[in-house]
Amino acid sequence: MGKKQTAEAALNTDDIELEQGQTFARVLGPRGNHQHEVEYTDGSRNLVTLQPKFRNLVWVKRGSYVVVDPSQGTVSEKVGGEIVHVLFPKQLKVLQQKGRWPQEFSTKESEKLASQVHDSDDQAEDDEDQDDDEDDLFVNNNRPVLSDTESSDSDSD
């Protein structure tokens, strides 16, 4: 298995086990050069790096949840760890069901992430229903509108 397949397999696992020293964290935002500011469960903030094997495979957005290993990736005093796993809404739901998700992050924000998955599925179904409505069609204002009377006059000639 190549590098890309190995990284994808690591990301697609549903069962996430924290190793010694690893913690959950919420991403506050990117700071450049593959570094992200994260907030731990105790409220402390730190700068962490993204593992090189995930850099071109996963984009970490503000508000995402990650697993951070503080003992890895410390190349300077400012960087305090490395992101070893990016958590997706599906994985958050599994962790919450098993009771392994920290209570500090069990607020409305994590529920919003889980609901976004369901909303996107519902929205796709709604889009199919709306395709039938002609009222929602785009109208190009740069073209003259041909009325029915002009077309009927040309037909009679």
Protein backbone atom coordinates (compact mmCIF):
# COMPACT_ATOMS: atom_id res chain seq x y z
CA MET A 1 0.00 0.00 0.00
CA GLY A 2 1.37 3.42 -0.95
CA LYS A 3 1.69 6.56 1.13
CA LYS A 4 -1.64 8.00 0.03
CA GLN A 5 -3.58 4.77 0.65
CA THR A 6 -1.99 4.39 4.09
CA ALA A 7 -2.97 7.93 5.05
CA GLU A 8 -6.53 7.46 3.76
CA ALA A 9 -6.86 4.22 5.71
CA ALA A 10 -5.71 5.99 8.86
CA LEU A 11 -8.28 8.74 8.36
CA ASN A 12 -11.22 6.45 7.58
CA THR A 13 -11.07 4.40 10.77
CA ASP A 14 -14.19 4.73 12.92
CA ASP A 15 -12.65 3.40 16.14
CA ILE A 16 -10.12 5.88 17.51
CA GLU A 17 -7.99 4.88 20.47
CA LEU A 18 -5.95 7.57 22.22
CA GLU A 19 -2.40 6.53 22.98
CA GLN A 20 -0.47 7.73 25.99
CA GLY A 21 -0.12 11.51 25.97
CA GLN A 22 -2.60 12.16 23.16
CA THR A 23 -5.56 14.48 23.73
CA PHE A 24 -8.57 15.83 21.89
CA ALA A 25 -8.47 19.46 20.76
CA ARG A 26 -10.60 21.95 18.82
CA VAL A 27 -8.96 23.88 15.97
CA LEU A 28 -9.28 27.63 16.42
CA GLY A 29 -7.72 28.49 13.08
CA PRO A 30 -4.77 28.12 10.75
CA ARG A 31 -1.64 30.13 11.45
CA GLY A 32 0.30 29.34 8.28
CA ASN A 33 3.06 26.91 7.34
CA HIS A 34 0.87 23.89 8.24
CA GLN A 35 0.46 25.17 11.79
CA HIS A 36 -2.88 25.47 13.58
CA GLU A 37 -3.90 26.99 16.87
CA VAL A 38 -5.87 24.52 18.98
CA GLU A 39 -7.75 24.64 22.26
CA TYR A 40 -7.48 21.68 24.62
CA THR A 41 -10.21 20.40 26.93
CA ASP A 42 -8.77 22.36 29.87
CA GLY A 43 -9.08 25.64 27.92
CA SER A 44 -5.37 26.12 27.21
CA ARG A 45 -4.34 27.11 23.69
CA ASN A 46 -1.32 25.94 21.79
CA LEU A 47 0.21 25.93 18.31
CA VAL A 48 0.51 22.50 16.64
CA THR A 49 1.66 21.25 13.24
CA LEU A 50 -0.07 18.95 10.80
CA GLN A 51 1.72 15.69 10.00
CA PRO A 52 3.38 15.72 6.56
CA LYS A 53 1.43 12.64 5.44
CA PHE A 54 -1.87 14.54 5.90
CA ARG A 55 -0.83 17.89 4.40
CA ASN A 56 -2.07 17.36 0.84
CA LEU A 57 -4.81 14.93 1.83
CA VAL A 58 -6.80 16.72 4.56
CA TRP A 59 -7.72 20.36 5.00
CA VAL A 60 -8.29 21.26 8.63
CA LYS A 61 -10.96 23.92 9.05
CA ARG A 62 -11.71 26.24 11.93
CA GLY A 63 -13.93 24.42 14.44
CA SER A 64 -12.74 20.94 13.49
CA TYR A 65 -11.70 18.46 16.15
CA VAL A 66 -8.33 16.72 16.12
CA VAL A 67 -6.19 14.34 18.16
CA VAL A 68 -2.95 16.00 19.23
CA ASP A 69 0.25 14.36 20.47
CA PRO A 70 2.23 17.00 22.42
CA SER A 71 5.41 14.90 22.41
CA GLN A 72 5.72 14.91 18.59
CA GLY A 73 6.48 17.76 16.21
CA THR A 74 8.07 20.11 18.73
CA VAL A 75 10.62 21.86 16.54
CA SER A 76 10.53 25.17 18.40
CA GLU A 77 9.34 26.69 21.66
CA LYS A 78 6.16 27.97 19.98
CA VAL A 79 5.03 24.65 18.50
CA GLY A 80 3.62 22.37 21.18
CA GLY A 81 2.71 19.18 19.37
CA GLU A 82 1.52 17.52 16.21
CA ILE A 83 -1.92 16.65 14.86
CA VAL A 84 -1.97 12.87 14.56
CA HIS A 85 -5.62 12.46 13.55
CA VAL A 86 -8.34 14.69 12.12
CA LEU A 87 -11.81 13.78 13.40
CA PHE A 88 -14.77 13.81 11.03
CA PRO A 89 -18.43 14.21 12.14
CA LYS A 90 -19.04 10.48 11.68
CA GLN A 91 -16.16 9.71 14.05
CA LEU A 92 -17.39 12.30 16.57
CA LYS A 93 -20.75 10.59 16.67
CA VAL A 94 -19.15 7.18 17.34
CA LEU A 95 -17.00 8.65 20.14
CA GLN A 96 -20.06 10.29 21.74
CA GLN A 97 -22.04 7.05 21.58
CA LYS A 98 -19.21 5.14 23.26
CA GLY A 99 -18.88 7.82 25.95
CA ARG A 100 -15.24 8.61 25.16
CA TRP A 101 -15.86 12.18 23.99
CA PRO A 102 -14.85 14.86 26.56
CA GLN A 103 -17.72 16.75 28.21
CA GLU A 104 -15.94 20.07 27.58
CA PHE A 105 -16.50 19.64 23.84
CA SER A 106 -20.01 18.18 24.15
CA THR A 107 -21.64 21.53 23.52
CA LYS A 108 -23.80 22.81 20.71
CA GLU A 109 -20.78 23.18 18.43
CA SER A 110 -20.13 19.45 18.17
CA GLU A 111 -23.86 18.85 17.70
CA LYS A 112 -23.81 21.38 14.84
CA LEU A 113 -21.03 19.44 13.13
CA ALA A 114 -23.00 16.22 13.42
CA SER A 115 -26.17 17.90 12.18
CA GLN A 116 -24.35 19.33 9.15
CA VAL A 117 -23.89 15.81 7.83
CA HIS A 118 -27.63 15.13 8.10
CA ASP A 119 -28.53 18.57 6.70
CA SER A 120 -26.40 18.05 3.61
CA ASP A 121 -28.20 14.75 2.94
CA ASP A 122 -31.59 16.39 3.43
CA GLN A 123 -30.59 19.33 1.24
CA ALA A 124 -29.66 17.01 -1.62
CA GLU A 125 -33.15 15.49 -1.46
CA ASP A 126 -34.74 18.97 -1.37
CA ASP A 127 -32.73 20.04 -4.42
CA GLU A 128 -34.26 17.22 -6.43
CA ASP A 129 -37.74 18.43 -5.51
CA GLN A 130 -36.92 22.04 -6.40
CA ASP A 131 -35.67 21.15 -9.88
CA ASP A 132 -39.28 20.82 -11.01
CA ASP A 133 -40.14 24.41 -10.09
CA GLU A 134 -39.57 26.80 -12.98
CA ASP A 135 -39.93 29.87 -10.76
CA ASP A 136 -36.44 29.30 -9.33
CA LEU A 137 -34.74 29.37 -12.73
CA PHE A 138 -31.97 31.86 -13.33
CA VAL A 139 -33.00 34.86 -15.39
CA ASN A 140 -30.32 36.49 -17.54
CA ASN A 141 -30.96 40.24 -17.50
CA ASN A 142 -28.39 40.87 -20.23
CA ARG A 143 -30.57 39.33 -22.94
CA PRO A 144 -33.77 40.85 -24.25
CA VAL A 145 -36.90 39.00 -23.27
CA LEU A 146 -38.92 37.73 -26.21
CA SER A 147 -42.61 37.87 -25.59
CA ASP A 148 -45.16 35.43 -26.94
CA THR A 149 -46.80 38.08 -29.13
CA GLU A 150 -43.62 38.67 -31.17
CA SER A 151 -43.21 34.97 -31.85
CA SER A 152 -46.84 34.56 -32.90
CA ASP A 153 -46.56 37.53 -35.30
CA SER A 154 -43.56 35.96 -37.04
CA ASP A 155 -45.41 32.65 -37.36
CA SER A 156 -48.37 34.26 -39.11
CA ASP A 157 -46.22 35.95 -41.79
